[in-house]
Amino acid sequence: MVKDRNALDLEELLEHDLQDAGIRVIMDLVAQHSWWVSTKVYREIQVVYPRTRRKKGITEKRGQIVNGIRFWDNQPASYAFWMALGKDRKNVSNFYVCHIYEESVWDPNHFTNLANLTAFPKCLQSLSEWNPVREVLKYHSFKVFGYEGPKSIEPPCPKYYPLIWRHHGDLSLKEFESVIVRLKEQKARRPQFKSFEEIVEATNYHE
């Protein structure tokens, strides 16, 4: 349904009513409860599954291959993200792995780019789709990883940028070395995120 260009925008009303103090509280909440990979890991590997992207619309099917690219839901991105944090995603619940740049999910160079991914508790996931929060996430990814998204445009520093971000996957040296070995092996051997074992795992997968 096409919206009237003068339609009431409830998000604009919320942003207006929150004003400075309210928005700062929300941004601090985002910073305290979003999860990010280690910068040391990102320096070693950026895109984990370079021949994958999210399926688009109803005509594309999960598992379909076009020009060497295999279509998925969010499985490769989620799998790569938690592996980069040195965690088994089966031991993490009530989360949602979000892409920071909206249309990046259809670009194999960005779909599993670790700087384009962050995890939220499910109850906060919808905040990542609100433009003020998305702008903060884009700038944080640029500031930490130097990541500029699919269009290679440096994001501006938003007015409300938190100083404290709690969860940036710090790893011991042993954990770091193990994570890098696993990530590089995945990229080399399973660029389409497909193996006999994953057929069963992806079929039974839930966020």
C-alpha atoms as a PDB file:
ATOM      1  CA  MET A   1       0.000   0.000   0.000  1.00  0.00           C
ATOM      2  CA  VAL A   2       1.356   3.415  -1.027  1.00  0.00           C
ATOM      3  CA  LYS A   3       1.578   5.829   1.887  1.00  0.00           C
ATOM      4  CA  ASP A   4       0.362   9.411   1.712  1.00  0.00           C
ATOM      5  CA  ARG A   5       3.458  11.619   1.690  1.00  0.00           C
ATOM      6  CA  ASN A   6       1.846  13.578   4.509  1.00  0.00           C
ATOM      7  CA  ALA A   7       1.150  10.450   6.552  1.00  0.00           C
ATOM      8  CA  LEU A   8       1.733  10.668  10.287  1.00  0.00           C
ATOM      9  CA  ASP A   9       5.223   9.301  11.038  1.00  0.00           C
ATOM     10  CA  LEU A  10       5.151   7.689  14.484  1.00  0.00           C
ATOM     11  CA  GLU A  11       8.935   7.226  14.568  1.00  0.00           C
ATOM     12  CA  GLU A  12       9.436  10.944  13.989  1.00  0.00           C
ATOM     13  CA  LEU A  13       7.047  11.654  16.848  1.00  0.00           C
ATOM     14  CA  LEU A  14       8.963   9.303  19.123  1.00  0.00           C
ATOM     15  CA  GLU A  15      12.308  10.856  18.231  1.00  0.00           C
ATOM     16  CA  HIS A  16      10.901  14.325  18.836  1.00  0.00           C
ATOM     17  CA  ASP A  17       9.379  13.394  22.197  1.00  0.00           C
ATOM     18  CA  LEU A  18      12.476  11.595  23.471  1.00  0.00           C
ATOM     19  CA  GLN A  19      14.655  14.682  22.939  1.00  0.00           C
ATOM     20  CA  ASP A  20      18.328  14.596  23.891  1.00  0.00           C
ATOM     21  CA  ALA A  21      18.177  12.843  27.240  1.00  0.00           C
ATOM     22  CA  GLY A  22      15.840  10.075  26.118  1.00  0.00           C
ATOM     23  CA  ILE A  23      17.772   9.291  22.954  1.00  0.00           C
ATOM     24  CA  ARG A  24      21.034   9.132  24.883  1.00  0.00           C
ATOM     25  CA  VAL A  25      19.530   6.522  27.201  1.00  0.00           C
ATOM     26  CA  ILE A  26      18.520   4.367  24.231  1.00  0.00           C
ATOM     27  CA  MET A  27      21.919   4.702  22.552  1.00  0.00           C
ATOM     28  CA  ASP A  28      23.686   3.750  25.770  1.00  0.00           C
ATOM     29  CA  LEU A  29      21.439   0.698  26.000  1.00  0.00           C
ATOM     30  CA  VAL A  30      22.401  -0.263  22.444  1.00  0.00           C
ATOM     31  CA  ALA A  31      26.094   0.158  23.197  1.00  0.00           C
ATOM     32  CA  GLN A  32      25.914  -1.872  26.400  1.00  0.00           C
ATOM     33  CA  HIS A  33      23.991  -4.789  24.917  1.00  0.00           C
ATOM     34  CA  SER A  34      25.236  -5.125  21.333  1.00  0.00           C
ATOM     35  CA  TRP A  35      27.972  -7.693  20.659  1.00  0.00           C
ATOM     36  CA  TRP A  36      30.887  -7.239  18.239  1.00  0.00           C
ATOM     37  CA  VAL A  37      33.826  -9.308  17.037  1.00  0.00           C
ATOM     38  CA  SER A  38      37.372  -8.506  18.078  1.00  0.00           C
ATOM     39  CA  THR A  39      39.310  -6.034  15.953  1.00  0.00           C
ATOM     40  CA  LYS A  40      42.243  -8.488  16.046  1.00  0.00           C
ATOM     41  CA  VAL A  41      40.072 -11.141  14.437  1.00  0.00           C
ATOM     42  CA  TYR A  42      38.799  -8.713  11.801  1.00  0.00           C
ATOM     43  CA  ARG A  43      42.315  -7.765  10.790  1.00  0.00           C
ATOM     44  CA  GLU A  44      42.958 -11.410   9.949  1.00  0.00           C
ATOM     45  CA  ILE A  45      39.729 -12.177   8.116  1.00  0.00           C
ATOM     46  CA  GLN A  46      36.871  -9.976   6.961  1.00  0.00           C
ATOM     47  CA  VAL A  47      34.428 -12.016   4.825  1.00  0.00           C
ATOM     48  CA  VAL A  48      33.963 -15.587   6.047  1.00  0.00           C
ATOM     49  CA  TYR A  49      31.655 -17.095   3.401  1.00  0.00           C
ATOM     50  CA  PRO A  50      32.372 -15.098   0.218  1.00  0.00           C
ATOM     51  CA  ARG A  51      30.048 -17.071  -2.042  1.00  0.00           C
ATOM     52  CA  THR A  52      26.845 -16.632  -0.051  1.00  0.00           C
ATOM     53  CA  ARG A  53      24.121 -14.042   0.248  1.00  0.00           C
ATOM     54  CA  ARG A  54      20.588 -13.855   1.593  1.00  0.00           C
ATOM     55  CA  LYS A  55      17.798 -15.010  -0.706  1.00  0.00           C
ATOM     56  CA  LYS A  56      15.608 -12.231  -2.023  1.00  0.00           C
ATOM     57  CA  GLY A  57      11.860 -12.234  -2.498  1.00  0.00           C
ATOM     58  CA  ILE A  58       9.724 -15.315  -3.096  1.00  0.00           C
ATOM     59  CA  THR A  59      11.369 -16.443  -6.329  1.00  0.00           C
ATOM     60  CA  GLU A  60      14.754 -17.223  -4.767  1.00  0.00           C
ATOM     61  CA  LYS A  61      15.027 -20.329  -2.623  1.00  0.00           C
ATOM     62  CA  ARG A  62      17.420 -21.230   0.175  1.00  0.00           C
ATOM     63  CA  GLY A  63      20.171 -23.427  -1.235  1.00  0.00           C
ATOM     64  CA  GLN A  64      19.704 -22.180  -4.801  1.00  0.00           C
ATOM     65  CA  ILE A  65      22.960 -21.379  -6.648  1.00  0.00           C
ATOM     66  CA  VAL A  66      23.279 -18.588  -9.222  1.00  0.00           C
ATOM     67  CA  ASN A  67      26.659 -17.678 -10.755  1.00  0.00           C
ATOM     68  CA  GLY A  68      28.407 -19.637  -8.014  1.00  0.00           C
ATOM     69  CA  ILE A  69      26.609 -17.809  -5.182  1.00  0.00           C
ATOM     70  CA  ARG A  70      24.418 -19.867  -2.848  1.00  0.00           C
ATOM     71  CA  PHE A  71      21.322 -18.272  -1.313  1.00  0.00           C
ATOM     72  CA  TRP A  72      20.499 -18.608   2.381  1.00  0.00           C
ATOM     73  CA  ASP A  73      18.486 -17.037   5.138  1.00  0.00           C
ATOM     74  CA  ASN A  74      20.693 -15.622   7.911  1.00  0.00           C
ATOM     75  CA  GLN A  75      22.478 -18.887   8.750  1.00  0.00           C
ATOM     76  CA  PRO A  76      25.964 -18.157   7.292  1.00  0.00           C
ATOM     77  CA  ALA A  77      26.117 -14.704   8.890  1.00  0.00           C
ATOM     78  CA  SER A  78      25.053 -15.969  12.313  1.00  0.00           C
ATOM     79  CA  TYR A  79      27.382 -18.954  12.126  1.00  0.00           C
ATOM     80  CA  ALA A  80      30.359 -16.782  11.107  1.00  0.00           C
ATOM     81  CA  PHE A  81      29.623 -14.178  13.774  1.00  0.00           C
ATOM     82  CA  TRP A  82      29.559 -16.513  16.764  1.00  0.00           C
ATOM     83  CA  MET A  83      32.534 -18.468  15.465  1.00  0.00           C
ATOM     84  CA  ALA A  84      34.483 -15.197  15.276  1.00  0.00           C
ATOM     85  CA  LEU A  85      33.578 -14.548  18.920  1.00  0.00           C
ATOM     86  CA  GLY A  86      34.883 -17.990  19.859  1.00  0.00           C
ATOM     87  CA  LYS A  87      31.422 -19.109  20.950  1.00  0.00           C
ATOM     88  CA  ASP A  88      29.169 -21.979  19.984  1.00  0.00           C
ATOM     89  CA  ARG A  89      25.889 -20.335  18.982  1.00  0.00           C
ATOM     90  CA  LYS A  90      24.052 -23.343  20.421  1.00  0.00           C
ATOM     91  CA  ASN A  91      25.155 -22.060  23.826  1.00  0.00           C
ATOM     92  CA  VAL A  92      23.687 -18.594  23.205  1.00  0.00           C
ATOM     93  CA  SER A  93      19.943 -18.015  23.253  1.00  0.00           C
ATOM     94  CA  ASN A  94      17.458 -15.209  22.645  1.00  0.00           C
ATOM     95  CA  PHE A  95      19.690 -13.331  20.234  1.00  0.00           C
ATOM     96  CA  TYR A  96      19.436 -11.900  16.748  1.00  0.00           C
ATOM     97  CA  VAL A  97      22.449 -11.275  14.513  1.00  0.00           C
ATOM     98  CA  CYS A  98      21.816  -8.032  12.623  1.00  0.00           C
ATOM     99  CA  HIS A  99      23.339  -6.558   9.481  1.00  0.00           C
ATOM    100  CA  ILE A 100      24.269  -2.916   9.945  1.00  0.00           C
ATOM    101  CA  TYR A 101      23.784  -1.867   6.305  1.00  0.00           C
ATOM    102  CA  GLU A 102      20.281  -2.551   5.024  1.00  0.00           C
ATOM    103  CA  GLU A 103      20.856  -3.874   1.490  1.00  0.00           C
ATOM    104  CA  SER A 104      24.203  -5.521   2.257  1.00  0.00           C
ATOM    105  CA  VAL A 105      22.507  -8.886   2.801  1.00  0.00           C
ATOM    106  CA  TRP A 106      22.272  -9.362  -0.979  1.00  0.00           C
ATOM    107  CA  ASP A 107      25.955  -8.638  -1.582  1.00  0.00           C
ATOM    108  CA  PRO A 108      28.339 -11.602  -1.095  1.00  0.00           C
ATOM    109  CA  ASN A 109      31.163  -9.201  -0.234  1.00  0.00           C
ATOM    110  CA  HIS A 110      29.201  -7.900   2.750  1.00  0.00           C
ATOM    111  CA  PHE A 111      26.727 -10.601   3.785  1.00  0.00           C
ATOM    112  CA  THR A 112      29.253 -12.327   6.087  1.00  0.00           C
ATOM    113  CA  ASN A 113      31.605  -9.383   6.559  1.00  0.00           C
ATOM    114  CA  LEU A 114      32.273  -9.466  10.301  1.00  0.00           C
ATOM    115  CA  ALA A 115      32.307  -5.673  10.637  1.00  0.00           C
ATOM    116  CA  ASN A 116      28.802  -5.566   9.185  1.00  0.00           C
ATOM    117  CA  LEU A 117      27.412  -7.811  11.918  1.00  0.00           C
ATOM    118  CA  THR A 118      26.332  -7.220  15.491  1.00  0.00           C
ATOM    119  CA  ALA A 119      24.168  -9.255  17.852  1.00  0.00           C
ATOM    120  CA  PHE A 120      21.329  -7.993  20.028  1.00  0.00           C
ATOM    121  CA  PRO A 121      19.060  -9.598  22.591  1.00  0.00           C
ATOM    122  CA  LYS A 122      15.841 -10.423  20.752  1.00  0.00           C
ATOM    123  CA  CYS A 123      13.892  -7.893  22.799  1.00  0.00           C
ATOM    124  CA  LEU A 124      16.122  -5.087  21.458  1.00  0.00           C
ATOM    125  CA  GLN A 125      16.524  -6.329  17.883  1.00  0.00           C
ATOM    126  CA  SER A 126      13.974  -3.966  16.368  1.00  0.00           C
ATOM    127  CA  LEU A 127      16.025  -1.009  17.590  1.00  0.00           C
ATOM    128  CA  SER A 128      18.669  -1.862  14.986  1.00  0.00           C
ATOM    129  CA  GLU A 129      16.133  -0.923  12.287  1.00  0.00           C
ATOM    130  CA  TRP A 130      15.469   2.543  13.725  1.00  0.00           C
ATOM    131  CA  ASN A 131      17.465   5.096  11.753  1.00  0.00           C
ATOM    132  CA  PRO A 132      19.074   6.943  14.715  1.00  0.00           C
ATOM    133  CA  VAL A 133      20.333   3.615  16.081  1.00  0.00           C
ATOM    134  CA  ARG A 134      21.435   2.394  12.653  1.00  0.00           C
ATOM    135  CA  GLU A 135      23.493   5.554  12.163  1.00  0.00           C
ATOM    136  CA  VAL A 136      25.227   4.956  15.496  1.00  0.00           C
ATOM    137  CA  LEU A 137      25.984   1.339  14.534  1.00  0.00           C
ATOM    138  CA  LYS A 138      27.389   2.397  11.157  1.00  0.00           C
ATOM    139  CA  TYR A 139      29.672   4.951  12.742  1.00  0.00           C
ATOM    140  CA  HIS A 140      30.799   2.524  15.431  1.00  0.00           C
ATOM    141  CA  SER A 141      31.675  -0.092  12.822  1.00  0.00           C
ATOM    142  CA  PHE A 142      33.659   2.516  10.904  1.00  0.00           C
ATOM    143  CA  LYS A 143      35.417   3.811  14.000  1.00  0.00           C
ATOM    144  CA  VAL A 144      36.387   0.337  15.222  1.00  0.00           C
ATOM    145  CA  PHE A 145      36.976  -1.585  11.988  1.00  0.00           C
ATOM    146  CA  GLY A 146      37.295   1.099   9.316  1.00  0.00           C
ATOM    147  CA  TYR A 147      34.259  -0.443   7.596  1.00  0.00           C
ATOM    148  CA  GLU A 148      32.328   1.826   5.211  1.00  0.00           C
ATOM    149  CA  GLY A 149      29.622  -0.521   3.946  1.00  0.00           C
ATOM    150  CA  PRO A 150      28.809  -1.617   0.386  1.00  0.00           C
ATOM    151  CA  LYS A 151      28.993   1.910  -1.050  1.00  0.00           C
ATOM    152  CA  SER A 152      32.365   2.693   0.596  1.00  0.00           C
ATOM    153  CA  ILE A 153      31.066   5.921   2.109  1.00  0.00           C
ATOM    154  CA  GLU A 154      32.464   7.082   5.441  1.00  0.00           C
ATOM    155  CA  PRO A 155      29.514   7.495   7.819  1.00  0.00           C
ATOM    156  CA  PRO A 156      29.253  10.784   9.727  1.00  0.00           C
ATOM    157  CA  CYS A 157      29.630  10.865  13.486  1.00  0.00           C
ATOM    158  CA  PRO A 158      26.093  10.982  14.892  1.00  0.00           C
ATOM    159  CA  LYS A 159      25.070  13.499  17.512  1.00  0.00           C
ATOM    160  CA  TYR A 160      24.473  10.734  20.044  1.00  0.00           C
ATOM    161  CA  TYR A 161      27.463   8.381  20.141  1.00  0.00           C
ATOM    162  CA  PRO A 162      28.072   6.311  23.298  1.00  0.00           C
ATOM    163  CA  LEU A 163      31.578   6.172  24.718  1.00  0.00           C
ATOM    164  CA  ILE A 164      31.295   2.739  26.361  1.00  0.00           C
ATOM    165  CA  TRP A 165      30.677  -0.428  24.337  1.00  0.00           C
ATOM    166  CA  ARG A 166      30.820  -3.480  26.575  1.00  0.00           C
ATOM    167  CA  HIS A 167      30.990  -6.524  24.317  1.00  0.00           C
ATOM    168  CA  HIS A 168      33.917  -6.518  21.903  1.00  0.00           C
ATOM    169  CA  GLY A 169      34.921 -10.192  21.786  1.00  0.00           C
ATOM    170  CA  ASP A 170      38.256 -10.086  23.598  1.00  0.00           C
ATOM    171  CA  LEU A 171      39.999 -13.448  23.267  1.00  0.00           C
ATOM    172  CA  SER A 172      43.003 -15.029  24.914  1.00  0.00           C
ATOM    173  CA  LEU A 173      45.944 -15.724  22.596  1.00  0.00           C
ATOM    174  CA  LYS A 174      45.039 -19.416  22.460  1.00  0.00           C
ATOM    175  CA  GLU A 175      41.385 -18.650  21.716  1.00  0.00           C
ATOM    176  CA  PHE A 176      42.382 -16.094  19.086  1.00  0.00           C
ATOM    177  CA  GLU A 177      44.643 -18.514  17.254  1.00  0.00           C
ATOM    178  CA  SER A 178      41.978 -21.212  17.311  1.00  0.00           C
ATOM    179  CA  VAL A 179      39.301 -18.841  15.998  1.00  0.00           C
ATOM    180  CA  ILE A 180      41.492 -17.639  13.134  1.00  0.00           C
ATOM    181  CA  VAL A 181      42.345 -21.186  12.076  1.00  0.00           C
ATOM    182  CA  ARG A 182      38.661 -22.133  12.040  1.00  0.00           C
ATOM    183  CA  LEU A 183      37.535 -19.014  10.169  1.00  0.00           C
ATOM    184  CA  LYS A 184      40.202 -19.332   7.487  1.00  0.00           C
ATOM    185  CA  GLU A 185      39.416 -23.002   7.069  1.00  0.00           C
ATOM    186  CA  GLN A 186      35.720 -22.200   6.652  1.00  0.00           C
ATOM    187  CA  LYS A 187      36.480 -19.555   4.025  1.00  0.00           C
ATOM    188  CA  ALA A 188      38.795 -21.835   2.063  1.00  0.00           C
ATOM    189  CA  ARG A 189      36.812 -25.074   2.246  1.00  0.00           C
ATOM    190  CA  ARG A 190      33.203 -23.923   2.510  1.00  0.00           C
ATOM    191  CA  PRO A 191      32.836 -20.563   0.717  1.00  0.00           C
ATOM    192  CA  GLN A 192      29.183 -21.398  -0.047  1.00  0.00           C
ATOM    193  CA  PHE A 193      28.531 -22.512   3.562  1.00  0.00           C
ATOM    194  CA  LYS A 194      27.689 -25.993   2.451  1.00  0.00           C
ATOM    195  CA  SER A 195      28.869 -29.420   3.501  1.00  0.00           C
ATOM    196  CA  PHE A 196      27.243 -32.720   4.366  1.00  0.00           C
ATOM    197  CA  GLU A 197      27.217 -31.818   8.041  1.00  0.00           C
ATOM    198  CA  GLU A 198      25.670 -28.404   7.375  1.00  0.00           C
ATOM    199  CA  ILE A 199      22.774 -29.839   5.414  1.00  0.00           C
ATOM    200  CA  VAL A 200      21.389 -31.271   8.638  1.00  0.00           C
ATOM    201  CA  GLU A 201      22.516 -28.364  10.814  1.00  0.00           C
ATOM    202  CA  ALA A 202      21.067 -25.670   8.556  1.00  0.00           C
ATOM    203  CA  THR A 203      17.805 -27.573   8.228  1.00  0.00           C
ATOM    204  CA  ASN A 204      17.438 -27.677  12.023  1.00  0.00           C
ATOM    205  CA  TYR A 205      18.758 -24.145  12.520  1.00  0.00           C
ATOM    206  CA  HIS A 206      16.938 -21.484  14.514  1.00  0.00           C
ATOM    207  CA  GLU A 207      18.153 -17.988  15.421  1.00  0.00           C
END
